[in-house]
Amino acid sequence: MPYAKLSQATLYYTVDGPQDAPALVLSNSLGTNADMWAPQLPELARHFRVLRYDTRGHGLSSVPAGEYRFEQLAEDVRELMDHVGIQRAHLCGLSMGGPTVMMLALRHPERVDRLVLSNTAARIGTVESWNARIEAVGREGLDSMAPGIIERWLTPAYRAAQPGPTQMLTDMLRRTPVAGYQANCAALRENDLRPQVGVIRAPTLVIGGTHDAATTAQQGRELAEAIPGARYVEFDAAHIANWEHPQAYGQAVVAFLKG
């Protein structure tokens, strides 16, 4: 299995698609891993050299001690791109992956072509809500909390119609290391990019979910309005929109990135 030993973490990653195609880096949400992009991978890999990875503290990547910050998560991506030999790439992040790729676009704009910011916001949650989440996960564990979290991730209609994929997401969440989950919650607690996102100049697509309670459609529209020239598209979905509308989601991303 491919691992990249970076300056502060060791990341599991995988690369799919033609070697000479434009690069696309996918950044996962809190509590998932690189597998969350499986519904779009066949379509994306037809057009791009797709780099997926498990964010530090998730999946098969290492769990460095201490609380994390998005500056670190963004530098992980930059170092991973260097490791794989990618100088410049499109970036797509969902939920927590959104601030990760926004931070990279702010710190290293020369490395970024186009941005897709999905089911995310410049500021997600509150200090109080993240402190409560950190405490609850430490007390109860992700195994017992997973079903309740999944109810916020996916609409009732999808969960009823697609029990198999719903179970796959539930198991992905259950396998996330508690310490890694908490450390990334701390990054979300401290992060507020609202004063900075107006500086982003990369062409940007913001994707929202009509029923998303974690990062609302209104927050998505506000993010699109804050980034000069950004486009906005909304799916009839909750938080993990790429699972609820796999084909349409993939087509929207490909159409935007190909310009």
C-alpha atoms as a PDB file:
ATOM      1  CA  MET A   1       0.000   0.000   0.000  1.00  0.00           C
ATOM      2  CA  PRO A   2       1.324   3.482  -0.814  1.00  0.00           C
ATOM      3  CA  TYR A   3       2.273   5.659   2.132  1.00  0.00           C
ATOM      4  CA  ALA A   4       3.933   9.063   2.131  1.00  0.00           C
ATOM      5  CA  LYS A   5       6.096   9.862   5.153  1.00  0.00           C
ATOM      6  CA  LEU A   6       5.746  13.624   5.460  1.00  0.00           C
ATOM      7  CA  SER A   7       7.308  16.080   7.895  1.00  0.00           C
ATOM      8  CA  GLN A   8       4.506  15.770  10.478  1.00  0.00           C
ATOM      9  CA  ALA A   9       2.417  12.748   9.455  1.00  0.00           C
ATOM     10  CA  THR A  10       2.367   9.590   7.370  1.00  0.00           C
ATOM     11  CA  LEU A  11      -0.503   9.541   4.901  1.00  0.00           C
ATOM     12  CA  TYR A  12      -2.074   6.639   3.077  1.00  0.00           C
ATOM     13  CA  TYR A  13      -2.892   7.615  -0.501  1.00  0.00           C
ATOM     14  CA  THR A  14      -3.872   6.194  -3.852  1.00  0.00           C
ATOM     15  CA  VAL A  15      -3.623   7.502  -7.415  1.00  0.00           C
ATOM     16  CA  ASP A  16      -5.994   6.579 -10.253  1.00  0.00           C
ATOM     17  CA  GLY A  17      -6.397   7.746 -13.835  1.00  0.00           C
ATOM     18  CA  PRO A  18      -4.029   8.541 -16.709  1.00  0.00           C
ATOM     19  CA  GLN A  19      -0.516   9.622 -15.737  1.00  0.00           C
ATOM     20  CA  ASP A  20      -0.593  12.537 -18.191  1.00  0.00           C
ATOM     21  CA  ALA A  21      -4.066  13.822 -17.274  1.00  0.00           C
ATOM     22  CA  PRO A  22      -4.625  17.002 -15.200  1.00  0.00           C
ATOM     23  CA  ALA A  23      -4.280  16.284 -11.494  1.00  0.00           C
ATOM     24  CA  LEU A  24      -7.235  16.314  -9.095  1.00  0.00           C
ATOM     25  CA  VAL A  25      -6.760  16.013  -5.318  1.00  0.00           C
ATOM     26  CA  LEU A  26      -9.737  14.859  -3.212  1.00  0.00           C
ATOM     27  CA  SER A  27      -9.917  15.671   0.515  1.00  0.00           C
ATOM     28  CA  ASN A  28     -12.271  13.649   2.743  1.00  0.00           C
ATOM     29  CA  SER A  29     -14.778  14.741   5.364  1.00  0.00           C
ATOM     30  CA  LEU A  30     -14.486  14.324   9.128  1.00  0.00           C
ATOM     31  CA  GLY A  31     -14.971  10.674  10.045  1.00  0.00           C
ATOM     32  CA  THR A  32     -14.459   9.184   6.582  1.00  0.00           C
ATOM     33  CA  ASN A  33     -11.409   8.435   4.422  1.00  0.00           C
ATOM     34  CA  ALA A  34     -10.353   8.228   0.782  1.00  0.00           C
ATOM     35  CA  ASP A  35     -13.077   5.625   0.132  1.00  0.00           C
ATOM     36  CA  MET A  36     -15.764   8.297   0.465  1.00  0.00           C
ATOM     37  CA  TRP A  37     -15.000   9.268  -3.154  1.00  0.00           C
ATOM     38  CA  ALA A  38     -15.656   5.777  -4.533  1.00  0.00           C
ATOM     39  CA  PRO A  39     -19.023   6.737  -6.118  1.00  0.00           C
ATOM     40  CA  GLN A  40     -17.297   9.335  -8.336  1.00  0.00           C
ATOM     41  CA  LEU A  41     -13.967   7.657  -8.935  1.00  0.00           C
ATOM     42  CA  PRO A  42     -14.744   5.821 -12.216  1.00  0.00           C
ATOM     43  CA  GLU A  43     -15.996   9.048 -13.821  1.00  0.00           C
ATOM     44  CA  LEU A  44     -13.298  11.296 -12.377  1.00  0.00           C
ATOM     45  CA  ALA A  45     -10.495   8.897 -13.306  1.00  0.00           C
ATOM     46  CA  ARG A  46     -11.581   9.021 -16.955  1.00  0.00           C
ATOM     47  CA  HIS A  47     -10.590  12.696 -17.094  1.00  0.00           C
ATOM     48  CA  PHE A  48      -8.047  13.292 -14.322  1.00  0.00           C
ATOM     49  CA  ARG A  49      -5.096  11.844 -12.465  1.00  0.00           C
ATOM     50  CA  VAL A  50      -6.955  11.474  -9.164  1.00  0.00           C
ATOM     51  CA  LEU A  51      -5.029  11.631  -5.897  1.00  0.00           C
ATOM     52  CA  ARG A  52      -7.050  10.496  -2.870  1.00  0.00           C
ATOM     53  CA  TYR A  53      -5.723  10.252   0.664  1.00  0.00           C
ATOM     54  CA  ASP A  54      -6.788   9.599   4.248  1.00  0.00           C
ATOM     55  CA  THR A  55      -6.534  12.845   6.204  1.00  0.00           C
ATOM     56  CA  ARG A  56      -4.208  12.541   9.207  1.00  0.00           C
ATOM     57  CA  GLY A  57      -6.058  10.908  12.075  1.00  0.00           C
ATOM     58  CA  HIS A  58      -8.304   8.988   9.658  1.00  0.00           C
ATOM     59  CA  GLY A  59      -8.295   5.644   7.903  1.00  0.00           C
ATOM     60  CA  LEU A  60      -4.843   4.173   7.388  1.00  0.00           C
ATOM     61  CA  SER A  61      -2.953   7.422   7.941  1.00  0.00           C
ATOM     62  CA  SER A  62      -1.032   8.117  11.136  1.00  0.00           C
ATOM     63  CA  VAL A  63      -2.522   9.820  14.183  1.00  0.00           C
ATOM     64  CA  PRO A  64       0.021  12.422  15.329  1.00  0.00           C
ATOM     65  CA  ALA A  65      -0.375  13.415  18.965  1.00  0.00           C
ATOM     66  CA  GLY A  66      -2.029  16.679  19.929  1.00  0.00           C
ATOM     67  CA  GLU A  67      -4.700  18.868  18.402  1.00  0.00           C
ATOM     68  CA  TYR A  68      -4.517  19.688  14.703  1.00  0.00           C
ATOM     69  CA  ARG A  69      -4.847  22.937  12.766  1.00  0.00           C
ATOM     70  CA  PHE A  70      -5.867  23.496   9.170  1.00  0.00           C
ATOM     71  CA  GLU A  71      -2.465  24.995   8.432  1.00  0.00           C
ATOM     72  CA  GLN A  72      -1.072  21.523   9.157  1.00  0.00           C
ATOM     73  CA  LEU A  73      -3.745  19.726   7.139  1.00  0.00           C
ATOM     74  CA  ALA A  74      -3.077  21.996   4.155  1.00  0.00           C
ATOM     75  CA  GLU A  75       0.678  21.467   4.413  1.00  0.00           C
ATOM     76  CA  ASP A  76       0.069  17.708   4.477  1.00  0.00           C
ATOM     77  CA  VAL A  77      -1.606  18.047   1.080  1.00  0.00           C
ATOM     78  CA  ARG A  78       1.184  20.220  -0.316  1.00  0.00           C
ATOM     79  CA  GLU A  79       3.823  17.743   0.846  1.00  0.00           C
ATOM     80  CA  LEU A  80       1.801  14.824  -0.510  1.00  0.00           C
ATOM     81  CA  MET A  81       1.565  16.548  -3.895  1.00  0.00           C
ATOM     82  CA  ASP A  82       5.359  16.958  -3.839  1.00  0.00           C
ATOM     83  CA  HIS A  83       5.772  13.287  -2.909  1.00  0.00           C
ATOM     84  CA  VAL A  84       3.621  12.151  -5.839  1.00  0.00           C
ATOM     85  CA  GLY A  85       5.182  14.652  -8.249  1.00  0.00           C
ATOM     86  CA  ILE A  86       2.195  16.954  -8.739  1.00  0.00           C
ATOM     87  CA  GLN A  87       3.109  20.610  -9.077  1.00  0.00           C
ATOM     88  CA  ARG A  88      -0.370  22.012  -9.664  1.00  0.00           C
ATOM     89  CA  ALA A  89      -3.810  20.457  -9.266  1.00  0.00           C
ATOM     90  CA  HIS A  90      -7.525  20.927  -9.047  1.00  0.00           C
ATOM     91  CA  LEU A  91      -8.668  20.495  -5.442  1.00  0.00           C
ATOM     92  CA  CYS A  92     -11.984  19.140  -4.187  1.00  0.00           C
ATOM     93  CA  GLY A  93     -12.878  18.934  -0.504  1.00  0.00           C
ATOM     94  CA  LEU A  94     -16.109  17.920   1.204  1.00  0.00           C
ATOM     95  CA  SER A  95     -17.030  19.192   4.692  1.00  0.00           C
ATOM     96  CA  MET A  96     -13.718  19.254   6.622  1.00  0.00           C
ATOM     97  CA  GLY A  97     -11.961  18.788   3.288  1.00  0.00           C
ATOM     98  CA  GLY A  98     -13.311  22.206   2.269  1.00  0.00           C
ATOM     99  CA  PRO A  99     -11.280  24.286   4.761  1.00  0.00           C
ATOM    100  CA  THR A 100      -8.281  22.055   4.037  1.00  0.00           C
ATOM    101  CA  VAL A 101      -8.232  22.917   0.339  1.00  0.00           C
ATOM    102  CA  MET A 102      -9.256  26.546   0.993  1.00  0.00           C
ATOM    103  CA  MET A 103      -6.279  26.910   3.312  1.00  0.00           C
ATOM    104  CA  LEU A 104      -3.993  25.442   0.664  1.00  0.00           C
ATOM    105  CA  ALA A 105      -5.383  27.878  -1.913  1.00  0.00           C
ATOM    106  CA  LEU A 106      -4.709  30.759   0.490  1.00  0.00           C
ATOM    107  CA  ARG A 107      -1.199  29.667   1.488  1.00  0.00           C
ATOM    108  CA  HIS A 108      -0.014  28.285  -1.854  1.00  0.00           C
ATOM    109  CA  PRO A 109      -2.180  29.718  -4.660  1.00  0.00           C
ATOM    110  CA  GLU A 110       0.444  28.740  -7.234  1.00  0.00           C
ATOM    111  CA  ARG A 111      -0.303  25.062  -6.537  1.00  0.00           C
ATOM    112  CA  VAL A 112      -4.051  25.346  -7.205  1.00  0.00           C
ATOM    113  CA  ASP A 113      -5.898  25.352 -10.515  1.00  0.00           C
ATOM    114  CA  ARG A 114      -9.632  25.097  -9.708  1.00  0.00           C
ATOM    115  CA  LEU A 115     -11.484  24.511  -6.431  1.00  0.00           C
ATOM    116  CA  VAL A 116     -14.590  22.469  -5.636  1.00  0.00           C
ATOM    117  CA  LEU A 117     -15.932  23.190  -2.137  1.00  0.00           C
ATOM    118  CA  SER A 118     -18.656  20.713  -1.255  1.00  0.00           C
ATOM    119  CA  ASN A 119     -21.031  20.746   1.722  1.00  0.00           C
ATOM    120  CA  THR A 120     -18.719  23.038   3.603  1.00  0.00           C
ATOM    121  CA  ALA A 121     -18.347  26.555   4.937  1.00  0.00           C
ATOM    122  CA  ALA A 122     -15.707  29.108   5.845  1.00  0.00           C
ATOM    123  CA  ARG A 123     -16.736  28.574   9.468  1.00  0.00           C
ATOM    124  CA  ILE A 124     -18.261  25.235  10.485  1.00  0.00           C
ATOM    125  CA  GLY A 125     -19.947  24.934  13.869  1.00  0.00           C
ATOM    126  CA  THR A 126     -19.041  26.816  17.036  1.00  0.00           C
ATOM    127  CA  VAL A 127     -16.418  26.526  19.731  1.00  0.00           C
ATOM    128  CA  GLU A 128     -19.073  25.186  22.064  1.00  0.00           C
ATOM    129  CA  SER A 129     -20.414  22.601  19.626  1.00  0.00           C
ATOM    130  CA  TRP A 130     -16.951  21.230  18.844  1.00  0.00           C
ATOM    131  CA  ASN A 131     -15.961  21.060  22.497  1.00  0.00           C
ATOM    132  CA  ALA A 132     -19.171  19.146  23.162  1.00  0.00           C
ATOM    133  CA  ARG A 133     -18.438  16.783  20.262  1.00  0.00           C
ATOM    134  CA  ILE A 134     -14.890  16.139  21.484  1.00  0.00           C
ATOM    135  CA  GLU A 135     -16.175  15.330  24.962  1.00  0.00           C
ATOM    136  CA  ALA A 136     -19.000  13.117  23.701  1.00  0.00           C
ATOM    137  CA  VAL A 137     -16.738  11.083  21.415  1.00  0.00           C
ATOM    138  CA  GLY A 138     -14.266  10.564  24.243  1.00  0.00           C
ATOM    139  CA  ARG A 139     -17.057   9.433  26.547  1.00  0.00           C
ATOM    140  CA  GLU A 140     -19.251   7.362  24.222  1.00  0.00           C
ATOM    141  CA  GLY A 141     -16.981   6.360  21.344  1.00  0.00           C
ATOM    142  CA  LEU A 142     -17.685   6.552  17.624  1.00  0.00           C
ATOM    143  CA  ASP A 143     -19.198   3.079  17.480  1.00  0.00           C
ATOM    144  CA  SER A 144     -22.226   4.130  19.515  1.00  0.00           C
ATOM    145  CA  MET A 145     -22.412   7.646  18.055  1.00  0.00           C
ATOM    146  CA  ALA A 146     -22.155   6.592  14.398  1.00  0.00           C
ATOM    147  CA  PRO A 147     -25.879   5.933  13.708  1.00  0.00           C
ATOM    148  CA  GLY A 148     -26.863   9.373  14.992  1.00  0.00           C
ATOM    149  CA  ILE A 149     -24.153  11.076  12.937  1.00  0.00           C
ATOM    150  CA  ILE A 150     -25.221   9.187   9.819  1.00  0.00           C
ATOM    151  CA  GLU A 151     -28.760  10.514  10.272  1.00  0.00           C
ATOM    152  CA  ARG A 152     -27.314  14.005   9.735  1.00  0.00           C
ATOM    153  CA  TRP A 153     -25.154  12.886   6.824  1.00  0.00           C
ATOM    154  CA  LEU A 154     -27.885  11.291   4.697  1.00  0.00           C
ATOM    155  CA  THR A 155     -31.567  12.040   4.152  1.00  0.00           C
ATOM    156  CA  PRO A 156     -34.165   9.562   5.477  1.00  0.00           C
ATOM    157  CA  ALA A 157     -35.231   8.764   1.907  1.00  0.00           C
ATOM    158  CA  TYR A 158     -31.701   7.817   0.893  1.00  0.00           C
ATOM    159  CA  ARG A 159     -31.090   5.734   4.012  1.00  0.00           C
ATOM    160  CA  ALA A 160     -34.315   3.807   3.376  1.00  0.00           C
ATOM    161  CA  ALA A 161     -33.608   3.233  -0.320  1.00  0.00           C
ATOM    162  CA  GLN A 162     -29.859   2.530  -0.026  1.00  0.00           C
ATOM    163  CA  PRO A 163     -29.182   0.539   3.177  1.00  0.00           C
ATOM    164  CA  GLY A 164     -25.979  -0.978   1.772  1.00  0.00           C
ATOM    165  CA  PRO A 165     -24.107   2.266   1.029  1.00  0.00           C
ATOM    166  CA  THR A 166     -25.492   3.720   4.261  1.00  0.00           C
ATOM    167  CA  GLN A 167     -23.910   0.832   6.175  1.00  0.00           C
ATOM    168  CA  MET A 168     -20.608   1.369   4.351  1.00  0.00           C
ATOM    169  CA  LEU A 169     -20.488   4.996   5.505  1.00  0.00           C
ATOM    170  CA  THR A 170     -21.457   3.966   9.038  1.00  0.00           C
ATOM    171  CA  ASP A 171     -18.636   1.437   9.182  1.00  0.00           C
ATOM    172  CA  MET A 172     -16.167   3.978   7.755  1.00  0.00           C
ATOM    173  CA  LEU A 173     -17.053   6.326  10.590  1.00  0.00           C
ATOM    174  CA  ARG A 174     -16.831   3.580  13.217  1.00  0.00           C
ATOM    175  CA  ARG A 175     -13.303   2.690  12.106  1.00  0.00           C
ATOM    176  CA  THR A 176     -12.010   6.260  12.490  1.00  0.00           C
ATOM    177  CA  PRO A 177      -9.544   6.482  15.407  1.00  0.00           C
ATOM    178  CA  VAL A 178     -11.127   8.401  18.277  1.00  0.00           C
ATOM    179  CA  ALA A 179      -7.958  10.394  18.942  1.00  0.00           C
ATOM    180  CA  GLY A 180      -7.714  11.383  15.284  1.00  0.00           C
ATOM    181  CA  TYR A 181     -11.374  12.350  15.151  1.00  0.00           C
ATOM    182  CA  GLN A 182     -11.020  14.527  18.233  1.00  0.00           C
ATOM    183  CA  ALA A 183      -7.821  16.167  16.970  1.00  0.00           C
ATOM    184  CA  ASN A 184      -9.576  17.131  13.727  1.00  0.00           C
ATOM    185  CA  CYS A 185     -12.591  18.408  15.671  1.00  0.00           C
ATOM    186  CA  ALA A 186     -10.130  20.767  17.383  1.00  0.00           C
ATOM    187  CA  ALA A 187      -9.002  22.040  13.979  1.00  0.00           C
ATOM    188  CA  LEU A 188     -12.623  22.751  13.055  1.00  0.00           C
ATOM    189  CA  ARG A 189     -13.208  24.432  16.413  1.00  0.00           C
ATOM    190  CA  GLU A 190     -10.378  26.898  15.857  1.00  0.00           C
ATOM    191  CA  ASN A 191     -10.880  27.513  12.150  1.00  0.00           C
ATOM    192  CA  ASP A 192     -12.627  30.603  10.755  1.00  0.00           C
ATOM    193  CA  LEU A 193     -11.769  31.520   7.172  1.00  0.00           C
ATOM    194  CA  ARG A 194     -14.558  34.077   6.721  1.00  0.00           C
ATOM    195  CA  PRO A 195     -12.157  37.052   6.809  1.00  0.00           C
ATOM    196  CA  GLN A 196      -9.864  35.420   4.222  1.00  0.00           C
ATOM    197  CA  VAL A 197     -11.903  33.592   1.573  1.00  0.00           C
ATOM    198  CA  GLY A 198     -12.402  36.763  -0.464  1.00  0.00           C
ATOM    199  CA  VAL A 199      -8.698  36.572  -1.323  1.00  0.00           C
ATOM    200  CA  ILE A 200      -9.128  33.248  -3.165  1.00  0.00           C
ATOM    201  CA  ARG A 201      -8.705  33.766  -6.904  1.00  0.00           C
ATOM    202  CA  ALA A 202      -8.929  30.183  -8.150  1.00  0.00           C
ATOM    203  CA  PRO A 203     -12.103  29.483 -10.140  1.00  0.00           C
ATOM    204  CA  THR A 204     -14.424  27.906  -7.587  1.00  0.00           C
ATOM    205  CA  LEU A 205     -17.537  25.734  -7.541  1.00  0.00           C
ATOM    206  CA  VAL A 206     -19.466  25.524  -4.266  1.00  0.00           C
ATOM    207  CA  ILE A 207     -21.812  22.553  -3.832  1.00  0.00           C
ATOM    208  CA  GLY A 208     -24.582  22.666  -1.233  1.00  0.00           C
ATOM    209  CA  GLY A 209     -27.216  20.269   0.046  1.00  0.00           C
ATOM    210  CA  THR A 210     -30.811  21.389   0.489  1.00  0.00           C
ATOM    211  CA  HIS A 211     -31.198  19.268   3.648  1.00  0.00           C
ATOM    212  CA  ASP A 212     -27.674  19.680   5.006  1.00  0.00           C
ATOM    213  CA  ALA A 213     -27.875  20.531   8.715  1.00  0.00           C
ATOM    214  CA  ALA A 214     -24.100  20.471   9.318  1.00  0.00           C
ATOM    215  CA  THR A 215     -23.129  23.012   6.649  1.00  0.00           C
ATOM    216  CA  THR A 216     -26.374  24.524   5.453  1.00  0.00           C
ATOM    217  CA  ALA A 217     -27.282  25.524   1.928  1.00  0.00           C
ATOM    218  CA  GLN A 218     -27.343  29.120   3.142  1.00  0.00           C
ATOM    219  CA  GLN A 219     -23.756  28.795   4.309  1.00  0.00           C
ATOM    220  CA  GLY A 220     -22.861  27.375   0.907  1.00  0.00           C
ATOM    221  CA  ARG A 221     -24.451  30.320  -0.860  1.00  0.00           C
ATOM    222  CA  GLU A 222     -22.642  32.728   1.468  1.00  0.00           C
ATOM    223  CA  LEU A 223     -19.337  31.020   0.691  1.00  0.00           C
ATOM    224  CA  ALA A 224     -19.963  31.281  -3.041  1.00  0.00           C
ATOM    225  CA  GLU A 225     -20.829  34.958  -2.675  1.00  0.00           C
ATOM    226  CA  ALA A 226     -17.646  35.610  -0.695  1.00  0.00           C
ATOM    227  CA  ILE A 227     -15.272  34.068  -3.263  1.00  0.00           C
ATOM    228  CA  PRO A 228     -14.983  36.264  -6.373  1.00  0.00           C
ATOM    229  CA  GLY A 229     -16.625  34.656  -9.405  1.00  0.00           C
ATOM    230  CA  ALA A 230     -17.584  31.437  -7.609  1.00  0.00           C
ATOM    231  CA  ARG A 231     -20.482  29.336  -8.895  1.00  0.00           C
ATOM    232  CA  TYR A 232     -23.033  27.568  -6.724  1.00  0.00           C
ATOM    233  CA  VAL A 233     -24.981  24.361  -7.317  1.00  0.00           C
ATOM    234  CA  GLU A 234     -27.340  22.665  -4.878  1.00  0.00           C
ATOM    235  CA  PHE A 235     -28.407  19.029  -4.654  1.00  0.00           C
ATOM    236  CA  ASP A 236     -31.503  17.606  -2.977  1.00  0.00           C
ATOM    237  CA  ALA A 237     -29.317  15.961  -0.355  1.00  0.00           C
ATOM    238  CA  ALA A 238     -28.025  16.167   3.185  1.00  0.00           C
ATOM    239  CA  HIS A 239     -24.353  16.433   4.153  1.00  0.00           C
ATOM    240  CA  ILE A 240     -22.690  13.707   2.044  1.00  0.00           C
ATOM    241  CA  ALA A 241     -24.116  14.872  -1.261  1.00  0.00           C
ATOM    242  CA  ASN A 242     -21.720  12.849  -3.390  1.00  0.00           C
ATOM    243  CA  TRP A 243     -23.281   9.607  -2.066  1.00  0.00           C
ATOM    244  CA  GLU A 244     -26.885  10.709  -2.456  1.00  0.00           C
ATOM    245  CA  HIS A 245     -26.447  11.846  -6.083  1.00  0.00           C
ATOM    246  CA  PRO A 246     -23.324  10.022  -7.272  1.00  0.00           C
ATOM    247  CA  GLN A 247     -23.780  10.412 -11.026  1.00  0.00           C
ATOM    248  CA  ALA A 248     -25.020  14.007 -11.082  1.00  0.00           C
ATOM    249  CA  TYR A 249     -22.386  15.026  -8.557  1.00  0.00           C
ATOM    250  CA  GLY A 250     -19.581  13.539 -10.627  1.00  0.00           C
ATOM    251  CA  GLN A 251     -20.888  15.127 -13.795  1.00  0.00           C
ATOM    252  CA  ALA A 252     -21.111  18.546 -12.130  1.00  0.00           C
ATOM    253  CA  VAL A 253     -17.522  18.304 -10.900  1.00  0.00           C
ATOM    254  CA  VAL A 254     -16.160  17.143 -14.261  1.00  0.00           C
ATOM    255  CA  ALA A 255     -18.065  19.828 -16.187  1.00  0.00           C
ATOM    256  CA  PHE A 256     -16.723  22.571 -13.917  1.00  0.00           C
ATOM    257  CA  LEU A 257     -13.128  21.356 -13.835  1.00  0.00           C
ATOM    258  CA  LYS A 258     -12.985  20.918 -17.600  1.00  0.00           C
ATOM    259  CA  GLY A 259     -14.289  24.478 -17.930  1.00  0.00           C
END
